[in-house]
Every structure is written in C-alpha cells, then in structure tokens.
Amino acid sequence: MCTTRSAILTIIVLATPATACSQRAEDNTNAAASRLSADTTGNPPCTPLETREPNASEQRPAFKGQTRTCGVKSNVAFDVTVLAKGLAHPWAVEPLPGGDLLVTEKPGRMRIVSAAGNLGQPLTGLPRVDARGQGGLLDIVLSPTFESDRTIYWSFSEPRQGGNGTSVARGVLSSDRKGLEQVRVIFRALPTYDGTHHFGSRLMFGQDGKLYVTLGERSDIEIRPQAQQLTSHMGKILRITPDGAAPKDNPFVGKGDAKPEIWSLGHRNVQGATFDPQGRLWDVEHGARGGDELNLVQKGRNYGWPVVAYGQEYSGQAFKGSVTAREGYEQPVYYWDPVIAPSGAQFYTGDAFPAWKGSLFIGGMGAMALVRLTLENDRVTGEEHLLTDRKQRVRDVRQGPDGALYIVTDQENGQLWRLSPRR
C-alpha cells in the first residue's frame, strides 16, 4: 500500500491497483521535485534540466535563475565528423586560417590537423612541461596578426626549481609548419609551488589587443588564500601585453606590492573563458563539490574564492569560513550544483547555425556533454546538454571561420570533432 500526505488521496489510493498506485506516487514525486526545484531556486516555473539532489542542499541562490534554469531544446540538426583520433588528453583546439587546426596534447605535444583530418607530427621547439596531475601543455591562441607574423601563444605548467607554475610562451610557426622558432617564455605566474593541480589556464586576446590569462589557485588548503592576495598571481585573471608586460591601465598598477598583471581576483580554477560579441570577458571556473561558476569578469572585481563560494569540499564538509554572499564580492551569473566540470567556452557568432547565435557553449567534462546556455540581459535563461550519447569528456570548444564548432575530448585516446549543419 502506498501513502500520501492527504487523507482524501489515501482513500483514492486504497481503491487503486498496486501498480497504478506505484506509478501515480512516482509521478507525484517527480512533479513535486520539479516544483520544489523551481521554488527553492527562485526560477520561474519550468522543467529544470538539473533535477538531481544538490550537494549543498542548504544553500540558496542570490537571485532568480542563478542555478537550475529551464531545460531547453534547440532542435538543431548537425553532423559530427571525427577529424582525428589517438590524441593523448588533448587540451585545446585553435582553428588556423584556411581550415586547418592546431591541437595541444597534455603530455607536451602540439600538432596541426588538416581540414581533411590528417594528423601531423608534433611540432618541434616547445619547452619542457611538467605533465603530472592536471599539468602539461595547456591552451593555445593565435596572435591577432597571425596571418602576417605567424605568432602563436600557449600556456603550460613549467617545471621550476622548487616546483612548477603556469607560464605563457610565444613562438613563430616555421614556414614548413613543422616547428616553432624564436620561442621564449613571456610570463611566469608566481609564486612557484610544488603541486599538481589548478594551473588554469585559458588564453584569449581582447579587442584591446591585450592577452588575458586565467590562472588557478593551486587547490591545496595552504595556498588557497592567495586567491585573495594581490601579492600573488594565484587565483587571478591577468591582462598582459603581447610581450608579457603589465599594461599601465591595469587596476592594481602602482598599488603597493600588488602584481601589476592582475585584472580580477578571487577565482578558483578557470579553465574556460571567452569574449562575448560586445567584447566583454566571461569565465567558467571549476568550483569544488557543487560550485562551478559562470562569471562576467570586470576590471578589478573580486569573485570571492575561497571566502565566498557555493558548494562544499570534496569531502562533503562545508568550506571553512566561507559564505555564499558578502558585500564587496561579486556573485556568479550562474552556478551548477552538482557540477559539470567546465573547460573551454565559446560564444557562438557564426551563420552556420542561426538558432544557436548568441548561445554560450561550454565543455562539460564531468557532464560528458557540450553544454549550451541561452542568455538574456546577462542572465541564463536556458540550458541544453548536447553530445551526451558519445559519453566523452569535452575539454574545449572553438568556433571556426566556417561557422562550425570544433571540439577536443579529454581522453587517453582523445578525439577532435567538427560539428557542422546536417546536409
């Protein structure tokens, strides 16, 4: 016999066959869960995409739609072409003029994959990487003037005396496209730390011609507080010139011992960042258990970690000394609980998929999906998970000149995919 909260429903249930009773109870429970999700998150009534129990169930969002937004479907027909297989934990993909693509592999290799899917040999000339844990060869971006100077920038975990750290290098692609020349490291995040987690790191050029660099806070409890300290690069987003110098108009230039490269602070581990069509910077960062965030990053702002954060420790314990809101700290535009483990981000601006124009695409490693968000007035209004049937960790997503989306998957036998309109 099933039970309900209402005496009237109990009488009805008693007169119902057991199988129907079980089904009705399940339907009621699912409906209640959907309503509860909408009520407790402050979202308008809808069917949230996420219906699992949150990790930090006692926490509440700061405003409507900040988490568990409506599930949406774009019903866009597309083809997935596997351009390359056998990549060792590829970390980034960067389209080249003419249709070829640059791909980085975490162990320290960079390759060119042709538009037809031919996998080139590793480029020569790269510096050594520390590929332990989450370290290795990370992001890659072309110079804004690549077609004239063939310059490439990349980030990597650099082995150093006493540990390692995230560094940024630049080099010139050789005319035969077999190697990198004039290679030099233009920036080293400090302090050096002996660890294997939270290196960041995404690179992107803004409309101002400056290079933006995202960094992690290196994870461990003893170094986490440096995300709030201006004397450290840890847990920051940086803004530097193409030569690695700090622009004079950065927010903390000349302020005591503050690192002049800092653009924003209080970040945990930013592995996704992109500019929107208006030229504004957005980041997607790994939270702990139940605290992945989407942020609209602004000059000089503090994004909270580790003193303001959603979620909890991986152990299930609450963050020590942390709250979800505090004056002087920015709120995330959106957060995920449970997490999606985000890496890579791209606002879609192409013509190949008109229905996706303006959508924000995010790689979901934990979600094993390409995550699509719809936004209005800088608020998330819908969430869709694509490619879930492939059950692969999506590490990076980039839009190509042809309007297609290019994706690499974080697997030991990783792949490079092209998403194009179905013919």
Protein backbone atom coordinates (compact mmCIF):
# COMPACT_ATOMS: atom_id res chain seq x y z
CA MET A 1 0.00 0.00 0.00
CA CYS A 2 1.32 3.47 -0.83
CA THR A 3 0.90 6.53 1.39
CA THR A 4 0.31 10.23 0.66
CA ARG A 5 0.09 13.41 2.73
CA SER A 6 -3.66 13.81 2.15
CA ALA A 7 -6.42 11.72 3.72
CA ILE A 8 -8.51 12.12 0.59
CA LEU A 9 -5.66 10.88 -1.57
CA THR A 10 -5.23 7.94 0.81
CA ILE A 11 -8.84 6.82 0.22
CA ILE A 12 -8.34 7.10 -3.53
CA VAL A 13 -5.07 5.21 -3.39
CA LEU A 14 -6.61 2.37 -1.37
CA ALA A 15 -9.07 1.80 -4.17
CA THR A 16 -6.31 1.78 -6.83
CA PRO A 17 -4.42 -1.31 -8.02
CA ALA A 18 -0.91 -1.57 -6.60
CA THR A 19 0.84 -0.98 -9.93
CA ALA A 20 -1.18 2.14 -10.67
CA CYS A 21 -0.62 3.34 -7.11
CA SER A 22 3.15 2.94 -7.51
CA GLN A 23 3.17 4.78 -10.84
CA ARG A 24 0.99 7.61 -9.52
CA ALA A 25 3.17 8.05 -6.47
CA GLU A 26 6.25 8.22 -8.68
CA ASP A 27 4.58 10.79 -10.95
CA ASN A 28 3.55 12.88 -7.92
CA THR A 29 7.06 12.70 -6.53
CA ASN A 30 8.62 13.79 -9.83
CA ALA A 31 6.17 16.65 -10.21
CA ALA A 32 6.78 17.75 -6.64
CA ALA A 33 10.53 17.59 -7.18
CA SER A 34 10.21 19.78 -10.26
CA ARG A 35 8.08 22.31 -8.37
CA LEU A 36 10.43 22.21 -5.39
CA SER A 37 13.40 22.85 -7.65
CA ALA A 38 11.68 25.87 -9.13
CA ASP A 39 10.54 27.16 -5.74
CA THR A 40 13.81 26.77 -3.86
CA THR A 41 16.00 28.17 -6.64
CA GLY A 42 13.76 31.13 -7.38
CA ASN A 43 13.44 30.25 -11.05
CA PRO A 44 10.17 30.80 -12.91
CA PRO A 45 8.05 27.64 -13.17
CA CYS A 46 9.58 25.35 -15.78
CA THR A 47 11.20 21.98 -16.09
CA PRO A 48 14.79 22.40 -14.87
CA LEU A 49 17.43 20.49 -16.76
CA GLU A 50 19.08 19.51 -13.47
CA THR A 51 16.84 17.51 -11.11
CA ARG A 52 19.40 15.61 -9.03
CA GLU A 53 19.81 16.35 -5.35
CA PRO A 54 22.25 19.25 -4.87
CA ASN A 55 25.46 18.66 -2.96
CA ALA A 56 24.96 21.76 -0.81
CA SER A 57 21.20 21.47 -0.31
CA GLU A 58 21.13 24.07 2.45
CA GLN A 59 22.41 26.84 0.15
CA ARG A 60 20.14 29.20 -1.74
CA PRO A 61 20.83 31.29 -4.85
CA ALA A 62 21.16 35.05 -4.55
CA PHE A 63 18.68 35.81 -7.36
CA LYS A 64 16.20 34.17 -9.72
CA GLY A 65 17.72 31.93 -12.35
CA GLN A 66 21.18 31.75 -10.78
CA THR A 67 21.07 27.95 -10.82
CA ARG A 68 18.93 25.10 -12.21
CA THR A 69 17.43 27.10 -15.02
CA CYS A 70 14.94 25.73 -17.52
CA GLY A 71 15.92 22.90 -19.80
CA VAL A 72 15.68 23.99 -23.45
CA LYS A 73 15.95 22.23 -26.80
CA SER A 74 17.13 23.97 -29.95
CA ASN A 75 16.27 21.00 -32.20
CA VAL A 76 19.22 21.85 -34.44
CA ALA A 77 20.26 19.09 -36.82
CA PHE A 78 24.03 18.67 -37.03
CA ASP A 79 26.62 16.16 -38.12
CA VAL A 80 29.63 15.16 -36.02
CA THR A 81 32.76 14.40 -38.02
CA VAL A 82 35.65 12.77 -36.15
CA LEU A 83 38.65 14.53 -37.69
CA ALA A 84 41.32 12.86 -35.56
CA LYS A 85 41.71 10.05 -33.04
CA GLY A 86 44.56 8.85 -30.87
CA LEU A 87 45.28 12.23 -29.24
CA ALA A 88 46.70 11.98 -25.71
CA HIS A 89 44.40 14.07 -23.50
CA PRO A 90 44.08 16.98 -25.93
CA TRP A 91 43.63 20.26 -24.04
CA ALA A 92 42.89 22.89 -26.66
CA VAL A 93 41.96 23.36 -30.30
CA GLU A 94 42.62 26.55 -32.26
CA PRO A 95 41.41 26.99 -35.89
CA LEU A 96 44.01 28.23 -38.37
CA PRO A 97 43.29 30.38 -41.41
CA GLY A 98 42.42 28.12 -44.32
CA GLY A 99 40.66 25.41 -42.31
CA ASP A 100 43.48 23.52 -40.56
CA LEU A 101 43.59 23.30 -36.76
CA LEU A 102 46.19 23.45 -34.01
CA VAL A 103 45.74 20.99 -31.15
CA THR A 104 47.66 20.71 -27.87
CA GLU A 105 48.14 17.42 -26.04
CA LYS A 106 48.68 17.47 -22.29
CA PRO A 107 51.95 15.43 -22.28
CA GLY A 108 53.62 18.30 -24.17
CA ARG A 109 52.83 17.94 -27.88
CA MET A 110 51.34 20.43 -30.33
CA ARG A 111 50.12 19.24 -33.73
CA ILE A 112 48.45 20.55 -36.85
CA VAL A 113 45.40 18.63 -38.03
CA SER A 114 44.40 19.36 -41.60
CA ALA A 115 40.85 20.30 -42.55
CA ALA A 116 40.60 16.83 -44.09
CA GLY A 117 41.63 15.19 -40.81
CA ASN A 118 45.29 14.36 -41.47
CA LEU A 119 47.17 14.30 -38.16
CA GLY A 120 50.56 15.97 -38.37
CA GLN A 121 53.71 15.12 -36.43
CA PRO A 122 54.37 17.00 -33.16
CA LEU A 123 55.84 20.45 -33.76
CA THR A 124 59.43 20.90 -32.67
CA GLY A 125 60.76 23.68 -30.44
CA LEU A 126 58.37 23.56 -27.48
CA PRO A 127 59.80 23.91 -23.97
CA ARG A 128 59.56 21.06 -21.46
CA VAL A 129 56.33 20.70 -19.45
CA ASP A 130 55.51 19.20 -16.05
CA ALA A 131 52.66 16.90 -17.06
CA ARG A 132 51.92 15.42 -13.65
CA GLY A 133 48.33 15.62 -12.37
CA GLN A 134 46.48 18.45 -14.11
CA GLY A 135 49.65 19.93 -15.53
CA GLY A 136 51.08 19.79 -19.03
CA LEU A 137 50.74 21.66 -22.30
CA LEU A 138 47.51 23.63 -21.92
CA ASP A 139 45.91 26.38 -24.00
CA ILE A 140 46.87 27.89 -27.34
CA VAL A 141 45.84 31.05 -29.18
CA LEU A 142 46.90 32.76 -32.38
CA SER A 143 48.31 36.25 -32.41
CA PRO A 144 45.73 38.79 -33.70
CA THR A 145 48.24 39.38 -36.51
CA PHE A 146 49.00 35.70 -37.16
CA GLU A 147 48.49 35.92 -40.91
CA SER A 148 51.41 38.35 -41.15
CA ASP A 149 53.67 37.26 -38.27
CA ARG A 150 52.73 33.53 -37.77
CA THR A 151 53.00 34.02 -34.00
CA ILE A 152 51.40 31.56 -31.58
CA TYR A 153 50.94 31.81 -27.79
CA TRP A 154 50.49 28.89 -25.43
CA SER A 155 50.30 28.18 -21.71
CA PHE A 156 51.91 25.27 -19.88
CA SER A 157 52.89 24.04 -16.44
CA GLU A 158 56.58 24.79 -16.35
CA PRO A 159 58.97 22.70 -14.25
CA ARG A 160 60.98 25.01 -11.97
CA GLN A 161 63.36 24.75 -9.08
CA GLY A 162 61.20 24.02 -6.05
CA GLY A 163 58.10 23.02 -8.00
CA ASN A 164 56.26 24.34 -11.04
CA GLY A 165 53.92 27.07 -12.22
CA THR A 166 51.77 28.24 -15.10
CA SER A 167 53.80 30.02 -17.77
CA VAL A 168 52.99 31.62 -21.12
CA ALA A 169 55.27 31.30 -24.14
CA ARG A 170 55.24 32.61 -27.68
CA GLY A 171 56.85 31.39 -30.88
CA VAL A 172 56.68 31.67 -34.64
CA LEU A 173 55.32 28.80 -36.72
CA SER A 174 58.03 27.84 -39.20
CA SER A 175 57.36 28.27 -42.91
CA ASP A 176 57.27 24.49 -43.39
CA ARG A 177 54.84 24.23 -40.43
CA LYS A 178 56.99 21.58 -38.74
CA GLY A 179 58.15 23.52 -35.73
CA LEU A 180 58.21 26.70 -33.65
CA GLU A 181 61.00 29.27 -33.87
CA GLN A 182 62.05 32.28 -31.77
CA VAL A 183 60.43 30.60 -28.76
CA ARG A 184 60.53 32.46 -25.46
CA VAL A 185 58.60 32.46 -22.20
CA ILE A 186 56.95 35.87 -21.80
CA PHE A 187 55.27 35.35 -18.41
CA ARG A 188 55.67 33.16 -15.31
CA ALA A 189 52.99 33.01 -12.61
CA LEU A 190 54.40 33.40 -9.10
CA PRO A 191 54.96 32.02 -6.59
CA THR A 192 56.40 28.71 -7.74
CA TYR A 193 54.59 25.90 -5.93
CA ASP A 194 55.21 22.17 -5.64
CA GLY A 195 51.79 20.82 -6.63
CA THR A 196 49.92 19.10 -9.44
CA HIS A 197 46.51 20.84 -9.51
CA HIS A 198 44.72 24.00 -10.65
CA PHE A 199 47.05 25.58 -13.21
CA GLY A 200 44.17 27.27 -15.11
CA SER A 201 44.66 28.14 -17.91
CA ARG A 202 42.97 29.83 -20.87
CA LEU A 203 44.41 32.46 -23.16
CA MET A 204 42.48 34.95 -25.29
CA PHE A 205 43.15 38.28 -26.95
CA GLY A 206 40.69 41.07 -26.26
CA GLN A 207 39.56 43.78 -28.64
CA ASP A 208 42.15 45.97 -26.90
CA GLY A 209 44.95 43.79 -28.28
CA LYS A 210 45.92 42.60 -24.80
CA LEU A 211 46.36 38.94 -23.80
CA TYR A 212 44.14 37.68 -20.98
CA VAL A 213 45.42 34.74 -18.94
CA THR A 214 43.36 32.70 -16.46
CA LEU A 215 45.07 31.04 -13.50
CA GLY A 216 44.07 28.56 -10.82
CA GLU A 217 44.87 28.97 -7.13
CA ARG A 218 46.71 25.61 -7.00
CA SER A 219 43.97 23.87 -4.96
CA ASP A 220 45.69 22.98 -1.69
CA ILE A 221 44.29 24.49 1.51
CA GLU A 222 47.57 26.18 2.44
CA ILE A 223 47.84 28.14 -0.83
CA ARG A 224 44.15 28.86 -1.46
CA PRO A 225 44.12 32.15 0.49
CA GLN A 226 46.47 33.62 -2.11
CA ALA A 227 43.46 33.93 -4.45
CA GLN A 228 42.60 36.95 -2.25
CA GLN A 229 46.14 38.35 -2.08
CA LEU A 230 47.31 40.90 -4.64
CA THR A 231 50.94 39.94 -3.99
CA SER A 232 50.31 36.57 -5.71
CA HIS A 233 49.20 35.57 -9.20
CA MET A 234 47.32 32.55 -7.82
CA GLY A 235 43.54 32.53 -8.44
CA LYS A 236 43.63 35.54 -10.74
CA ILE A 237 42.80 36.58 -14.28
CA LEU A 238 45.67 38.56 -15.77
CA ARG A 239 45.97 41.11 -18.57
CA ILE A 240 49.32 41.48 -20.28
CA THR A 241 50.76 42.89 -23.49
CA PRO A 242 51.79 40.57 -26.35
CA ASP A 243 55.33 40.83 -24.95
CA GLY A 244 54.26 39.84 -21.42
CA ALA A 245 54.40 43.26 -19.74
CA ALA A 246 51.71 44.74 -17.48
CA PRO A 247 49.68 47.49 -19.20
CA LYS A 248 49.74 50.76 -17.30
CA ASP A 249 45.95 50.92 -17.10
CA ASN A 250 45.57 47.60 -15.23
CA PRO A 251 43.58 48.12 -12.00
CA PHE A 252 46.33 47.41 -9.45
CA VAL A 253 49.35 49.00 -11.13
CA GLY A 254 51.31 51.07 -8.60
CA LYS A 255 49.32 49.86 -5.60
CA GLY A 256 51.94 48.71 -3.12
CA ASP A 257 53.28 45.22 -3.76
CA ALA A 258 50.31 44.17 -5.92
CA LYS A 259 51.19 42.14 -9.02
CA PRO A 260 50.61 44.64 -11.85
CA GLU A 261 49.35 41.97 -14.28
CA ILE A 262 46.20 41.26 -12.20
CA TRP A 263 42.86 42.08 -13.84
CA SER A 264 40.50 40.35 -11.38
CA LEU A 265 40.87 38.15 -8.30
CA GLY A 266 39.13 35.54 -6.16
CA HIS A 267 39.00 32.79 -8.79
CA ARG A 268 39.36 29.06 -8.09
CA ASN A 269 40.38 27.26 -11.31
CA VAL A 270 39.39 28.95 -14.55
CA GLN A 271 39.61 26.54 -17.49
CA GLY A 272 37.05 28.27 -19.68
CA ALA A 273 36.95 31.91 -20.79
CA THR A 274 35.73 33.82 -23.82
CA PHE A 275 34.70 37.27 -25.01
CA ASP A 276 31.10 37.96 -25.96
CA PRO A 277 30.13 39.89 -29.12
CA GLN A 278 30.25 43.12 -27.09
CA GLY A 279 33.86 42.46 -26.16
CA ARG A 280 33.16 41.55 -22.52
CA LEU A 281 35.06 38.77 -20.80
CA TRP A 282 33.22 35.78 -19.31
CA ASP A 283 34.80 32.91 -17.40
CA VAL A 284 33.64 29.43 -16.46
CA GLU A 285 35.51 28.06 -13.48
CA HIS A 286 35.72 24.81 -11.59
CA GLY A 287 34.17 25.04 -8.15
CA ALA A 288 34.58 22.30 -5.61
CA ARG A 289 31.65 19.93 -4.96
CA GLY A 290 28.60 21.84 -6.18
CA GLY A 291 30.12 25.20 -7.07
CA ASP A 292 31.06 25.52 -10.76
CA GLU A 293 30.54 29.14 -11.81
CA LEU A 294 29.86 31.36 -14.82
CA ASN A 295 31.10 34.91 -14.24
CA LEU A 296 31.00 38.17 -16.16
CA VAL A 297 34.53 39.33 -15.39
CA GLN A 298 35.08 43.04 -14.81
CA LYS A 299 38.19 45.09 -14.16
CA GLY A 300 39.41 44.98 -10.56
CA ARG A 301 36.48 42.94 -9.20
CA ASN A 302 36.72 40.21 -6.57
CA TYR A 303 34.93 36.92 -7.34
CA GLY A 304 35.14 35.54 -3.83
CA TRP A 305 37.12 32.33 -3.65
CA PRO A 306 37.77 30.97 -1.06
CA VAL A 307 35.81 33.26 1.29
CA VAL A 308 32.63 33.48 -0.83
CA ALA A 309 31.60 30.38 -2.75
CA TYR A 310 28.81 27.96 -3.50
CA GLY A 311 29.22 24.22 -2.94
CA GLN A 312 31.34 22.33 -0.44
CA GLU A 313 34.64 20.50 -0.06
CA TYR A 314 35.08 17.24 -1.97
CA SER A 315 34.87 15.53 1.42
CA GLY A 316 31.30 16.80 1.80
CA GLN A 317 32.25 19.25 4.56
CA ALA A 318 31.33 22.93 4.38
CA PHE A 319 34.04 25.39 3.34
CA LYS A 320 35.72 26.68 6.48
CA GLY A 321 34.99 30.38 6.96
CA SER A 322 33.15 30.71 3.66
CA VAL A 323 29.67 32.08 2.88
CA THR A 324 27.69 32.31 -0.36
CA ALA A 325 27.35 36.11 -0.34
CA ARG A 326 29.21 39.02 1.20
CA GLU A 327 29.37 42.74 0.47
CA GLY A 328 32.21 43.69 -1.85
CA TYR A 329 32.31 40.33 -3.65
CA GLU A 330 30.74 39.51 -7.00
CA GLN A 331 28.04 36.89 -7.41
CA PRO A 332 28.34 34.36 -10.24
CA VAL A 333 25.87 34.88 -13.07
CA TYR A 334 25.14 31.15 -12.82
CA TYR A 335 26.34 28.13 -10.86
CA TRP A 336 25.97 24.37 -11.11
CA ASP A 337 25.23 22.04 -8.19
CA PRO A 338 26.02 19.20 -8.95
CA VAL A 339 28.88 20.33 -11.15
CA ILE A 340 29.56 19.90 -14.87
CA ALA A 341 33.40 20.25 -14.55
CA PRO A 342 33.66 23.02 -17.19
CA SER A 343 36.56 23.51 -19.58
CA GLY A 344 36.53 25.66 -22.70
CA ALA A 345 33.96 28.30 -23.64
CA GLN A 346 32.74 29.95 -26.84
CA PHE A 347 30.00 32.45 -27.65
CA TYR A 348 28.55 31.40 -30.98
CA THR A 349 28.50 34.19 -33.58
CA GLY A 350 28.53 32.23 -36.85
CA ASP A 351 25.95 31.82 -39.59
CA ALA A 352 26.11 28.03 -39.93
CA PHE A 353 23.71 27.54 -37.00
CA PRO A 354 21.29 30.51 -36.90
CA ALA A 355 19.33 29.02 -33.98
CA TRP A 356 22.50 28.97 -31.86
CA LYS A 357 23.53 32.56 -32.48
CA GLY A 358 24.27 34.24 -29.15
CA SER A 359 24.45 30.93 -27.25
CA LEU A 360 27.35 30.25 -24.91
CA PHE A 361 28.92 26.82 -25.43
CA ILE A 362 30.90 25.22 -22.61
CA GLY A 363 32.81 21.96 -22.49
CA GLY A 364 31.47 19.65 -19.80
CA MET A 365 33.99 17.07 -18.65
CA GLY A 366 32.02 15.76 -15.68
CA ALA A 367 28.76 16.18 -17.59
CA MET A 368 30.30 14.43 -20.62
CA ALA A 369 28.44 16.91 -22.77
CA LEU A 370 28.67 20.06 -24.81
CA VAL A 371 26.70 22.49 -22.65
CA ARG A 372 24.70 25.25 -24.35
CA LEU A 373 23.39 28.23 -22.38
CA THR A 374 20.92 30.85 -23.56
CA LEU A 375 21.22 34.31 -22.02
CA GLU A 376 19.10 37.43 -21.84
CA ASN A 377 20.16 40.65 -20.13
CA ASP A 378 23.23 38.88 -18.74
CA ARG A 379 21.16 36.17 -17.06
CA VAL A 380 20.99 32.49 -18.01
CA THR A 381 17.53 31.57 -19.28
CA GLY A 382 18.04 28.02 -20.54
CA GLU A 383 20.45 25.09 -20.53
CA GLU A 384 20.86 22.26 -23.04
CA HIS A 385 23.29 19.32 -22.99
CA LEU A 386 24.42 18.05 -26.39
CA LEU A 387 26.54 15.03 -27.45
CA THR A 388 25.71 13.14 -24.26
CA ASP A 389 25.32 9.93 -26.25
CA ARG A 390 29.06 9.95 -27.01
CA LYS A 391 29.99 9.73 -23.31
CA GLN A 392 33.25 11.65 -23.65
CA ARG A 393 34.76 14.45 -21.56
CA VAL A 394 34.51 17.65 -23.60
CA ARG A 395 37.68 19.65 -22.88
CA ASP A 396 37.50 22.55 -25.35
CA VAL A 397 35.17 24.10 -27.91
CA ARG A 398 36.04 26.74 -30.53
CA GLN A 399 34.20 28.29 -33.43
CA GLY A 400 35.95 28.03 -36.79
CA PRO A 401 35.94 30.58 -39.62
CA ASP A 402 33.42 28.33 -41.38
CA GLY A 403 30.93 28.64 -38.51
CA ALA A 404 31.43 25.02 -37.44
CA LEU A 405 32.25 24.12 -33.85
CA TYR A 406 35.48 22.25 -33.13
CA ILE A 407 35.79 20.11 -30.02
CA VAL A 408 38.51 18.06 -28.35
CA THR A 409 37.76 15.34 -25.80
CA ASP A 410 39.81 14.72 -22.67
CA GLN A 411 40.52 11.03 -23.04
CA GLU A 412 43.65 8.91 -23.15
CA ASN A 413 42.57 8.22 -26.73
CA GLY A 414 41.17 11.70 -27.31
CA GLN A 415 39.41 12.90 -30.41
CA LEU A 416 38.92 16.06 -32.45
CA TRP A 417 35.35 16.64 -33.71
CA ARG A 418 33.73 19.06 -36.12
CA LEU A 419 30.05 19.96 -35.63
CA SER A 420 28.54 21.17 -38.87
CA PRO A 421 24.97 21.63 -40.14
CA ARG A 422 23.37 18.38 -41.25
CA ARG A 423 23.28 18.14 -45.03
